[in-house]
PDB file of all heavy atoms in Angstrom:
ATOM      1  N   LEU A   1       0.848  -1.181   0.000  1.00  0.00           N
ATOM      2  CA  LEU A   1       0.000   0.000   0.000  1.00  0.00           C
ATOM      3  C   LEU A   1       0.888   1.237   0.000  1.00  0.00           C
ATOM      4  O   LEU A   1       1.892   1.290   0.720  1.00  0.00           O
ATOM      5  CB  LEU A   1      -0.912   0.023   1.231  1.00  0.00           C
ATOM      6  CG  LEU A   1      -1.983  -1.075   1.345  1.00  0.00           C
ATOM      7  CD1 LEU A   1      -2.768  -0.906   2.636  1.00  0.00           C
ATOM      8  CD2 LEU A   1      -2.917  -1.067   0.145  1.00  0.00           C
ATOM      9  N   LEU A   2       0.500   2.245  -0.785  1.00  0.00           N
ATOM     10  CA  LEU A   2       1.280   3.482  -0.887  1.00  0.00           C
ATOM     11  C   LEU A   2       0.414   4.673  -0.512  1.00  0.00           C
ATOM     12  O   LEU A   2      -0.793   4.702  -0.795  1.00  0.00           O
ATOM     13  CB  LEU A   2       1.809   3.677  -2.312  1.00  0.00           C
ATOM     14  CG  LEU A   2       2.731   2.597  -2.886  1.00  0.00           C
ATOM     15  CD1 LEU A   2       3.054   2.918  -4.342  1.00  0.00           C
ATOM     16  CD2 LEU A   2       4.013   2.477  -2.070  1.00  0.00           C
ATOM     17  N   HIS A   3       1.058   5.658   0.125  1.00  0.00           N
ATOM     18  CA  HIS A   3       0.386   6.925   0.383  1.00  0.00           C
ATOM     19  C   HIS A   3       1.314   8.060  -0.015  1.00  0.00           C
ATOM     20  O   HIS A   3       2.440   8.166   0.486  1.00  0.00           O
ATOM     21  CB  HIS A   3       0.014   7.084   1.857  1.00  0.00           C
ATOM     22  CG  HIS A   3      -0.647   8.400   2.153  1.00  0.00           C
ATOM     23  ND1 HIS A   3      -1.928   8.690   1.756  1.00  0.00           N
ATOM     24  CD2 HIS A   3      -0.188   9.519   2.780  1.00  0.00           C
ATOM     25  CE1 HIS A   3      -2.245   9.917   2.138  1.00  0.00           C
ATOM     26  NE2 HIS A   3      -1.202  10.452   2.757  1.00  0.00           N
ATOM     27  N   LYS A   4       0.850   8.893  -0.934  1.00  0.00           N
ATOM     28  CA  LYS A   4       1.635  10.034  -1.388  1.00  0.00           C
ATOM     29  C   LYS A   4       1.132  11.263  -0.651  1.00  0.00           C
ATOM     30  O   LYS A   4       0.015  11.739  -0.878  1.00  0.00           O
ATOM     31  CB  LYS A   4       1.506  10.212  -2.903  1.00  0.00           C
ATOM     32  CG  LYS A   4       2.530  11.165  -3.504  1.00  0.00           C
ATOM     33  CD  LYS A   4       2.500  11.114  -5.028  1.00  0.00           C
ATOM     34  CE  LYS A   4       3.533  12.041  -5.644  1.00  0.00           C
ATOM     35  NZ  LYS A   4       4.929  11.671  -5.288  1.00  0.00           N
ATOM     36  N   GLY A   5       1.966  11.784   0.254  1.00  0.00           N
ATOM     37  CA  GLY A   5       1.570  12.920   1.060  1.00  0.00           C
ATOM     38  C   GLY A   5       2.106  14.229   0.517  1.00  0.00           C
ATOM     39  O   GLY A   5       2.841  14.268  -0.484  1.00  0.00           O
ATOM     40  N   GLU A   6       1.753  15.318   1.200  1.00  0.00           N
ATOM     41  CA  GLU A   6       2.184  16.646   0.771  1.00  0.00           C
ATOM     42  C   GLU A   6       3.682  16.828   0.952  1.00  0.00           C
ATOM     43  O   GLU A   6       4.352  17.456   0.121  1.00  0.00           O
ATOM     44  CB  GLU A   6       1.422  17.708   1.557  1.00  0.00           C
ATOM     45  CG  GLU A   6       1.708  19.133   1.111  1.00  0.00           C
ATOM     46  CD  GLU A   6       0.865  20.147   1.865  1.00  0.00           C
ATOM     47  OE1 GLU A   6      -0.076  19.729   2.586  1.00  0.00           O
ATOM     48  OE2 GLU A   6       1.144  21.354   1.744  1.00  0.00           O
ATOM     49  N   HIS A   7       4.220  16.261   2.053  1.00  0.00           N
ATOM     50  CA  HIS A   7       5.643  16.425   2.337  1.00  0.00           C
ATOM     51  C   HIS A   7       6.404  15.103   2.345  1.00  0.00           C
ATOM     52  O   HIS A   7       7.604  15.078   2.074  1.00  0.00           O
ATOM     53  CB  HIS A   7       5.832  17.114   3.696  1.00  0.00           C
ATOM     54  CG  HIS A   7       5.147  18.454   3.787  1.00  0.00           C
ATOM     55  ND1 HIS A   7       5.561  19.548   3.062  1.00  0.00           N
ATOM     56  CD2 HIS A   7       4.063  18.847   4.510  1.00  0.00           C
ATOM     57  CE1 HIS A   7       4.774  20.582   3.333  1.00  0.00           C
ATOM     58  NE2 HIS A   7       3.848  20.182   4.207  1.00  0.00           N
ATOM     59  N   GLU A   8       5.724  14.009   2.697  1.00  0.00           N
ATOM     60  CA  GLU A   8       6.375  12.703   2.775  1.00  0.00           C
ATOM     61  C   GLU A   8       5.470  11.637   2.179  1.00  0.00           C
ATOM     62  O   GLU A   8       4.240  11.777   2.181  1.00  0.00           O
ATOM     63  CB  GLU A   8       6.700  12.330   4.229  1.00  0.00           C
ATOM     64  CG  GLU A   8       7.774  13.173   4.888  1.00  0.00           C
ATOM     65  CD  GLU A   8       8.059  12.698   6.303  1.00  0.00           C
ATOM     66  OE1 GLU A   8       7.105  12.301   7.007  1.00  0.00           O
ATOM     67  OE2 GLU A   8       9.241  12.725   6.714  1.00  0.00           O
ATOM     68  N   ASN A   9       6.102  10.572   1.689  1.00  0.00           N
ATOM     69  CA  ASN A   9       5.367   9.419   1.171  1.00  0.00           C
ATOM     70  C   ASN A   9       5.621   8.217   2.079  1.00  0.00           C
ATOM     71  O   ASN A   9       6.755   8.014   2.542  1.00  0.00           O
ATOM     72  CB  ASN A   9       5.813   9.084  -0.254  1.00  0.00           C
ATOM     73  CG  ASN A   9       5.714  10.273  -1.188  1.00  0.00           C
ATOM     74  OD1 ASN A   9       4.786  11.083  -1.091  1.00  0.00           O
ATOM     75  ND2 ASN A   9       6.671  10.394  -2.098  1.00  0.00           N
ATOM     76  N   HIS A  10       4.590   7.424   2.312  1.00  0.00           N
ATOM     77  CA  HIS A  10       4.727   6.267   3.203  1.00  0.00           C
ATOM     78  C   HIS A  10       4.236   4.999   2.508  1.00  0.00           C
ATOM     79  O   HIS A  10       3.393   5.058   1.605  1.00  0.00           O
ATOM     80  CB  HIS A  10       3.938   6.487   4.496  1.00  0.00           C
ATOM     81  CG  HIS A  10       4.492   7.580   5.359  1.00  0.00           C
ATOM     82  ND1 HIS A  10       4.224   8.909   5.131  1.00  0.00           N
ATOM     83  CD2 HIS A  10       5.314   7.533   6.446  1.00  0.00           C
ATOM     84  CE1 HIS A  10       4.843   9.652   6.039  1.00  0.00           C
ATOM     85  NE2 HIS A  10       5.510   8.835   6.836  1.00  0.00           N
ATOM     86  N   PHE A  11       4.763   3.862   2.963  1.00  0.00           N
ATOM     87  CA  PHE A  11       4.310   2.571   2.433  1.00  0.00           C
ATOM     88  C   PHE A  11       4.079   1.588   3.561  1.00  0.00           C
ATOM     89  O   PHE A  11       4.651   1.698   4.651  1.00  0.00           O
ATOM     90  CB  PHE A  11       5.320   2.000   1.423  1.00  0.00           C
ATOM     91  CG  PHE A  11       6.608   1.493   2.022  1.00  0.00           C
ATOM     92  CD1 PHE A  11       6.707   0.194   2.527  1.00  0.00           C
ATOM     93  CD2 PHE A  11       7.736   2.312   2.078  1.00  0.00           C
ATOM     94  CE1 PHE A  11       7.890  -0.282   3.066  1.00  0.00           C
ATOM     95  CE2 PHE A  11       8.925   1.840   2.618  1.00  0.00           C
ATOM     96  CZ  PHE A  11       9.004   0.547   3.116  1.00  0.00           C
ATOM     97  N   LEU A  12       3.221   0.625   3.309  1.00  0.00           N
ATOM     98  CA  LEU A  12       2.984  -0.502   4.205  1.00  0.00           C
ATOM     99  C   LEU A  12       3.049  -1.759   3.354  1.00  0.00           C
ATOM    100  O   LEU A  12       2.240  -1.951   2.442  1.00  0.00           O
ATOM    101  CB  LEU A  12       1.620  -0.395   4.890  1.00  0.00           C
ATOM    102  CG  LEU A  12       1.217  -1.576   5.794  1.00  0.00           C
ATOM    103  CD1 LEU A  12       2.123  -1.637   7.023  1.00  0.00           C
ATOM    104  CD2 LEU A  12      -0.243  -1.464   6.226  1.00  0.00           C
ATOM    105  N   LEU A  13       4.021  -2.612   3.648  1.00  0.00           N
ATOM    106  CA  LEU A  13       4.254  -3.822   2.855  1.00  0.00           C
ATOM    107  C   LEU A  13       3.989  -5.056   3.700  1.00  0.00           C
ATOM    108  O   LEU A  13       4.488  -5.170   4.826  1.00  0.00           O
ATOM    109  CB  LEU A  13       5.701  -3.833   2.345  1.00  0.00           C
ATOM    110  CG  LEU A  13       6.163  -5.110   1.624  1.00  0.00           C
ATOM    111  CD1 LEU A  13       5.356  -5.330   0.354  1.00  0.00           C
ATOM    112  CD2 LEU A  13       7.659  -5.019   1.311  1.00  0.00           C
ATOM    113  N   GLN A  14       3.195  -5.976   3.166  1.00  0.00           N
ATOM    114  CA  GLN A  14       2.962  -7.263   3.817  1.00  0.00           C
ATOM    115  C   GLN A  14       3.339  -8.368   2.838  1.00  0.00           C
ATOM    116  O   GLN A  14       2.780  -8.448   1.743  1.00  0.00           O
ATOM    117  CB  GLN A  14       1.504  -7.391   4.256  1.00  0.00           C
ATOM    118  CG  GLN A  14       1.100  -6.315   5.269  1.00  0.00           C
ATOM    119  CD  GLN A  14      -0.250  -6.573   5.892  1.00  0.00           C
ATOM    120  OE1 GLN A  14      -0.384  -7.314   6.859  1.00  0.00           O
ATOM    121  NE2 GLN A  14      -1.275  -5.941   5.343  1.00  0.00           N
ATOM    122  N   VAL A  15       4.305  -9.190   3.256  1.00  0.00           N
ATOM    123  CA  VAL A  15       4.844 -10.238   2.394  1.00  0.00           C
ATOM    124  C   VAL A  15       4.554 -11.590   3.030  1.00  0.00           C
ATOM    125  O   VAL A  15       4.908 -11.831   4.189  1.00  0.00           O
ATOM    126  CB  VAL A  15       6.366 -10.068   2.193  1.00  0.00           C
ATOM    127  CG1 VAL A  15       6.911 -11.200   1.340  1.00  0.00           C
ATOM    128  CG2 VAL A  15       6.662  -8.714   1.555  1.00  0.00           C
ATOM    129  N   GLU A  16       3.915 -12.479   2.270  1.00  0.00           N
ATOM    130  CA  GLU A  16       3.644 -13.820   2.777  1.00  0.00           C
ATOM    131  C   GLU A  16       4.945 -14.605   2.842  1.00  0.00           C
ATOM    132  O   GLU A  16       5.689 -14.680   1.862  1.00  0.00           O
ATOM    133  CB  GLU A  16       2.639 -14.536   1.887  1.00  0.00           C
ATOM    134  CG  GLU A  16       2.158 -15.863   2.464  1.00  0.00           C
ATOM    135  CD  GLU A  16       1.011 -16.452   1.664  1.00  0.00           C
ATOM    136  OE1 GLU A  16       0.668 -15.890   0.599  1.00  0.00           O
ATOM    137  OE2 GLU A  16       0.464 -17.465   2.099  1.00  0.00           O
ATOM    138  N   PRO A  17       5.265 -15.192   3.995  1.00  0.00           N
ATOM    139  CA  PRO A  17       6.524 -15.924   4.132  1.00  0.00           C
ATOM    140  C   PRO A  17       6.453 -17.279   3.447  1.00  0.00           C
ATOM    141  O   PRO A  17       5.372 -17.735   3.058  1.00  0.00           O
ATOM    142  CB  PRO A  17       6.664 -16.083   5.648  1.00  0.00           C
ATOM    143  CG  PRO A  17       5.249 -16.165   6.129  1.00  0.00           C
ATOM    144  CD  PRO A  17       4.468 -15.229   5.231  1.00  0.00           C
ATOM    145  N   PRO A  18       7.579 -17.961   3.310  1.00  0.00           N
ATOM    146  CA  PRO A  18       7.548 -19.320   2.744  1.00  0.00           C
ATOM    147  C   PRO A  18       6.826 -20.273   3.681  1.00  0.00           C
ATOM    148  O   PRO A  18       6.672 -19.995   4.874  1.00  0.00           O
ATOM    149  CB  PRO A  18       9.036 -19.672   2.618  1.00  0.00           C
ATOM    150  CG  PRO A  18       9.725 -18.814   3.629  1.00  0.00           C
ATOM    151  CD  PRO A  18       8.949 -17.522   3.666  1.00  0.00           C
ATOM    152  N   LYS A  19       6.376 -21.396   3.144  1.00  0.00           N
ATOM    153  CA  LYS A  19       5.696 -22.385   3.972  1.00  0.00           C
ATOM    154  C   LYS A  19       6.657 -22.956   5.007  1.00  0.00           C
ATOM    155  O   LYS A  19       7.853 -23.111   4.764  1.00  0.00           O
ATOM    156  CB  LYS A  19       5.141 -23.520   3.111  1.00  0.00           C
ATOM    157  CG  LYS A  19       4.083 -23.071   2.104  1.00  0.00           C
ATOM    158  CD  LYS A  19       2.853 -22.508   2.819  1.00  0.00           C
ATOM    159  CE  LYS A  19       1.779 -22.107   1.821  1.00  0.00           C
ATOM    160  NZ  LYS A  19       0.605 -21.489   2.498  1.00  0.00           N
ATOM    161  N   ARG A  20       6.093 -23.264   6.181  1.00  0.00           N
ATOM    162  CA  ARG A  20       6.923 -23.830   7.235  1.00  0.00           C
ATOM    163  C   ARG A  20       7.440 -25.203   6.822  1.00  0.00           C
ATOM    164  O   ARG A  20       6.692 -26.039   6.320  1.00  0.00           O
ATOM    165  CB  ARG A  20       6.128 -23.952   8.532  1.00  0.00           C
ATOM    166  CG  ARG A  20       6.967 -24.476   9.705  1.00  0.00           C
ATOM    167  CD  ARG A  20       6.124 -24.618  10.963  1.00  0.00           C
ATOM    168  NE  ARG A  20       5.567 -23.340  11.381  1.00  0.00           N
ATOM    169  CZ  ARG A  20       6.246 -22.422  12.041  1.00  0.00           C
ATOM    170  NH1 ARG A  20       7.530 -22.627  12.331  1.00  0.00           N
ATOM    171  NH2 ARG A  20       5.677 -21.295  12.407  1.00  0.00           N
ATOM    172  N   VAL A  21       8.730 -25.438   7.051  1.00  0.00           N
ATOM    173  CA  VAL A  21       9.356 -26.729   6.774  1.00  0.00           C
ATOM    174  C   VAL A  21       9.910 -27.256   8.087  1.00  0.00           C
ATOM    175  O   VAL A  21      10.779 -26.631   8.699  1.00  0.00           O
ATOM    176  CB  VAL A  21      10.486 -26.607   5.729  1.00  0.00           C
ATOM    177  CG1 VAL A  21      11.144 -27.955   5.513  1.00  0.00           C
ATOM    178  CG2 VAL A  21       9.936 -26.064   4.417  1.00  0.00           C
ATOM    179  N   THR A  22       9.391 -28.375   8.546  1.00  0.00           N
ATOM    180  CA  THR A  22       9.863 -28.950   9.801  1.00  0.00           C
ATOM    181  C   THR A  22      10.960 -29.967   9.508  1.00  0.00           C
ATOM    182  O   THR A  22      10.706 -30.994   8.885  1.00  0.00           O
ATOM    183  CB  THR A  22       8.720 -29.645  10.557  1.00  0.00           C
ATOM    184  OG1 THR A  22       7.661 -28.704  10.757  1.00  0.00           O
ATOM    185  CG2 THR A  22       9.195 -30.166  11.897  1.00  0.00           C
ATOM    186  N   PRO A  23      12.189 -29.704   9.941  1.00  0.00           N
ATOM    187  CA  PRO A  23      13.280 -30.634   9.665  1.00  0.00           C
ATOM    188  C   PRO A  23      13.119 -31.930  10.449  1.00  0.00           C
ATOM    189  O   PRO A  23      12.515 -31.957  11.519  1.00  0.00           O
ATOM    190  CB  PRO A  23      14.523 -29.859  10.125  1.00  0.00           C
ATOM    191  CG  PRO A  23      14.017 -28.889  11.139  1.00  0.00           C
ATOM    192  CD  PRO A  23      12.625 -28.523  10.704  1.00  0.00           C
ATOM    193  N   ASP A  24      13.659 -33.011   9.908  1.00  0.00           N
ATOM    194  CA  ASP A  24      13.596 -34.301  10.601  1.00  0.00           C
ATOM    195  C   ASP A  24      14.446 -34.298  11.862  1.00  0.00           C
ATOM    196  O   ASP A  24      14.102 -34.931  12.862  1.00  0.00           O
ATOM    197  CB  ASP A  24      14.062 -35.423   9.666  1.00  0.00           C
ATOM    198  CG  ASP A  24      13.119 -35.597   8.477  1.00  0.00           C
ATOM    199  OD1 ASP A  24      11.920 -35.317   8.653  1.00  0.00           O
ATOM    200  OD2 ASP A  24      13.599 -35.988   7.396  1.00  0.00           O
ATOM    201  N   LEU A  25      15.567 -33.602  11.806  1.00  0.00           N
ATOM    202  CA  LEU A  25      16.487 -33.568  12.943  1.00  0.00           C
ATOM    203  C   LEU A  25      16.437 -32.197  13.605  1.00  0.00           C
ATOM    204  O   LEU A  25      16.911 -31.216  13.052  1.00  0.00           O
ATOM    205  CB  LEU A  25      17.916 -33.887  12.491  1.00  0.00           C
ATOM    206  CG  LEU A  25      18.136 -35.280  11.896  1.00  0.00           C
ATOM    207  CD1 LEU A  25      19.565 -35.417  11.400  1.00  0.00           C
ATOM    208  CD2 LEU A  25      17.811 -36.360  12.927  1.00  0.00           C
ATOM    209  N   ILE A  26      15.817 -32.141  14.776  1.00  0.00           N
ATOM    210  CA  ILE A  26      15.778 -30.907  15.551  1.00  0.00           C
ATOM    211  C   ILE A  26      16.746 -31.076  16.715  1.00  0.00           C
ATOM    212  O   ILE A  26      16.686 -32.071  17.437  1.00  0.00           O
ATOM    213  CB  ILE A  26      14.362 -30.642  16.081  1.00  0.00           C
ATOM    214  CG1 ILE A  26      13.380 -30.523  14.914  1.00  0.00           C
ATOM    215  CG2 ILE A  26      14.324 -29.399  16.941  1.00  0.00           C
ATOM    216  CD1 ILE A  26      11.951 -30.376  15.353  1.00  0.00           C
ATOM    217  N   PRO A  27      17.684 -30.159  16.912  1.00  0.00           N
ATOM    218  CA  PRO A  27      18.645 -30.308  17.998  1.00  0.00           C
ATOM    219  C   PRO A  27      17.939 -30.330  19.347  1.00  0.00           C
ATOM    220  O   PRO A  27      16.865 -29.734  19.513  1.00  0.00           O
ATOM    221  CB  PRO A  27      19.535 -29.070  17.862  1.00  0.00           C
ATOM    222  CG  PRO A  27      18.721 -28.096  17.089  1.00  0.00           C
ATOM    223  CD  PRO A  27      17.881 -28.907  16.176  1.00  0.00           C
ATOM    224  N   PRO A  28      18.507 -31.024  20.332  1.00  0.00           N
ATOM    225  CA  PRO A  28      17.880 -31.073  21.658  1.00  0.00           C
ATOM    226  C   PRO A  28      17.751 -29.678  22.255  1.00  0.00           C
ATOM    227  O   PRO A  28      18.618 -28.828  22.075  1.00  0.00           O
ATOM    228  CB  PRO A  28      18.832 -31.953  22.475  1.00  0.00           C
ATOM    229  CG  PRO A  28      20.126 -31.943  21.732  1.00  0.00           C
ATOM    230  CD  PRO A  28      19.775 -31.774  20.296  1.00  0.00           C
ATOM    231  N   ARG A  29      16.669 -29.473  22.962  1.00  0.00           N
ATOM    232  CA  ARG A  29      16.382 -28.156  23.526  1.00  0.00           C
ATOM    233  C   ARG A  29      16.196 -28.254  25.036  1.00  0.00           C
ATOM    234  O   ARG A  29      15.874 -29.317  25.580  1.00  0.00           O
ATOM    235  CB  ARG A  29      15.119 -27.557  22.884  1.00  0.00           C
ATOM    236  CG  ARG A  29      15.281 -27.223  21.412  1.00  0.00           C
ATOM    237  CD  ARG A  29      13.969 -26.722  20.830  1.00  0.00           C
ATOM    238  NE  ARG A  29      14.116 -26.342  19.419  1.00  0.00           N
ATOM    239  CZ  ARG A  29      14.389 -25.114  18.989  1.00  0.00           C
ATOM    240  NH1 ARG A  29      14.536 -24.138  19.865  1.00  0.00           N
ATOM    241  NH2 ARG A  29      14.509 -24.851  17.706  1.00  0.00           N
ATOM    242  N   ASP A  30      16.393 -27.104  25.680  1.00  0.00           N
ATOM    243  CA  ASP A  30      16.153 -26.988  27.122  1.00  0.00           C
ATOM    244  C   ASP A  30      15.083 -25.930  27.333  1.00  0.00           C
ATOM    245  O   ASP A  30      15.180 -24.824  26.783  1.00  0.00           O
ATOM    246  CB  ASP A  30      17.445 -26.584  27.845  1.00  0.00           C
ATOM    247  CG  ASP A  30      17.213 -26.387  29.333  1.00  0.00           C
ATOM    248  OD1 ASP A  30      16.776 -27.349  29.982  1.00  0.00           O
ATOM    249  OD2 ASP A  30      17.461 -25.272  29.842  1.00  0.00           O
ATOM    250  N   TYR A  31      14.043 -26.267  28.087  1.00  0.00           N
ATOM    251  CA  TYR A  31      12.939 -25.352  28.336  1.00  0.00           C
ATOM    252  C   TYR A  31      12.868 -25.016  29.815  1.00  0.00           C
ATOM    253  O   TYR A  31      12.956 -25.909  30.674  1.00  0.00           O
ATOM    254  CB  TYR A  31      11.613 -25.977  27.910  1.00  0.00           C
ATOM    255  CG  TYR A  31      11.523 -26.279  26.435  1.00  0.00           C
ATOM    256  CD1 TYR A  31      11.927 -27.520  25.930  1.00  0.00           C
ATOM    257  CD2 TYR A  31      11.033 -25.336  25.544  1.00  0.00           C
ATOM    258  CE1 TYR A  31      11.853 -27.802  24.579  1.00  0.00           C
ATOM    259  CE2 TYR A  31      10.949 -25.612  24.183  1.00  0.00           C
ATOM    260  CZ  TYR A  31      11.360 -26.843  23.710  1.00  0.00           C
ATOM    261  OH  TYR A  31      11.286 -27.110  22.363  1.00  0.00           O
ATOM    262  N   VAL A  32      12.671 -23.738  30.125  1.00  0.00           N
ATOM    263  CA  VAL A  32      12.384 -23.313  31.494  1.00  0.00           C
ATOM    264  C   VAL A  32      11.012 -22.653  31.469  1.00  0.00           C
ATOM    265  O   VAL A  32      10.827 -21.604  30.847  1.00  0.00           O
ATOM    266  CB  VAL A  32      13.443 -22.340  32.039  1.00  0.00           C
ATOM    267  CG1 VAL A  32      13.086 -21.944  33.473  1.00  0.00           C
ATOM    268  CG2 VAL A  32      14.826 -22.961  31.994  1.00  0.00           C
ATOM    269  N   PHE A  33      10.045 -23.295  32.122  1.00  0.00           N
ATOM    270  CA  PHE A  33       8.688 -22.775  32.183  1.00  0.00           C
ATOM    271  C   PHE A  33       8.548 -21.924  33.442  1.00  0.00           C
ATOM    272  O   PHE A  33       8.843 -22.386  34.553  1.00  0.00           O
ATOM    273  CB  PHE A  33       7.677 -23.924  32.208  1.00  0.00           C
ATOM    274  CG  PHE A  33       7.743 -24.797  30.988  1.00  0.00           C
ATOM    275  CD1 PHE A  33       8.436 -26.006  31.001  1.00  0.00           C
ATOM    276  CD2 PHE A  33       7.123 -24.416  29.811  1.00  0.00           C
ATOM    277  CE1 PHE A  33       8.502 -26.815  29.881  1.00  0.00           C
ATOM    278  CE2 PHE A  33       7.180 -25.215  28.674  1.00  0.00           C
ATOM    279  CZ  PHE A  33       7.878 -26.415  28.704  1.00  0.00           C
ATOM    280  N   VAL A  34       8.093 -20.691  33.275  1.00  0.00           N
ATOM    281  CA  VAL A  34       7.955 -19.743  34.382  1.00  0.00           C
ATOM    282  C   VAL A  34       6.466 -19.469  34.586  1.00  0.00           C
ATOM    283  O   VAL A  34       5.805 -18.896  33.719  1.00  0.00           O
ATOM    284  CB  VAL A  34       8.708 -18.431  34.083  1.00  0.00           C
ATOM    285  CG1 VAL A  34       8.599 -17.473  35.258  1.00  0.00           C
ATOM    286  CG2 VAL A  34      10.177 -18.720  33.773  1.00  0.00           C
ATOM    287  N   LEU A  35       5.933 -19.902  35.733  1.00  0.00           N
ATOM    288  CA  LEU A  35       4.493 -19.886  35.984  1.00  0.00           C
ATOM    289  C   LEU A  35       4.132 -18.876  37.068  1.00  0.00           C
ATOM    290  O   LEU A  35       4.638 -18.931  38.189  1.00  0.00           O
ATOM    291  CB  LEU A  35       4.029 -21.287  36.404  1.00  0.00           C
ATOM    292  CG  LEU A  35       2.562 -21.444  36.817  1.00  0.00           C
ATOM    293  CD1 LEU A  35       1.637 -21.127  35.647  1.00  0.00           C
ATOM    294  CD2 LEU A  35       2.304 -22.859  37.343  1.00  0.00           C
ATOM    295  N   ASP A  36       3.234 -17.951  36.737  1.00  0.00           N
ATOM    296  CA  ASP A  36       2.728 -16.934  37.658  1.00  0.00           C
ATOM    297  C   ASP A  36       1.655 -17.559  38.555  1.00  0.00           C
ATOM    298  O   ASP A  36       0.647 -18.063  38.065  1.00  0.00           O
ATOM    299  CB  ASP A  36       2.139 -15.781  36.828  1.00  0.00           C
ATOM    300  CG  ASP A  36       1.617 -14.628  37.684  1.00  0.00           C
ATOM    301  OD1 ASP A  36       1.602 -14.740  38.912  1.00  0.00           O
ATOM    302  OD2 ASP A  36       1.220 -13.605  37.080  1.00  0.00           O
ATOM    303  N   ILE A  37       1.868 -17.515  39.885  1.00  0.00           N
ATOM    304  CA  ILE A  37       0.862 -18.023  40.826  1.00  0.00           C
ATOM    305  C   ILE A  37       0.452 -16.913  41.797  1.00  0.00           C
ATOM    306  O   ILE A  37       0.080 -17.176  42.939  1.00  0.00           O
ATOM    307  CB  ILE A  37       1.369 -19.261  41.602  1.00  0.00           C
ATOM    308  CG1 ILE A  37       2.657 -18.942  42.365  1.00  0.00           C
ATOM    309  CG2 ILE A  37       1.587 -20.441  40.674  1.00  0.00           C
ATOM    310  CD1 ILE A  37       3.058 -20.032  43.348  1.00  0.00           C
ATOM    311  N   SER A  38       0.524 -15.656  41.351  1.00  0.00           N
ATOM    312  CA  SER A  38       0.169 -14.526  42.206  1.00  0.00           C
ATOM    313  C   SER A  38      -1.340 -14.479  42.421  1.00  0.00           C
ATOM    314  O   SER A  38      -2.108 -15.235  41.812  1.00  0.00           O
ATOM    315  CB  SER A  38       0.651 -13.219  41.571  1.00  0.00           C
ATOM    316  OG  SER A  38       0.009 -13.010  40.326  1.00  0.00           O
TER     317      SER A  38
END
């Protein structure tokens, strides 16, 4: 989308990303879950 203004021109661009590809080998991960009990 384009906007031509009196002093400045602006744009808004939205680009669809590539499809998600899930690799067969995912390196081991460590997760720390932080839970609010207030």
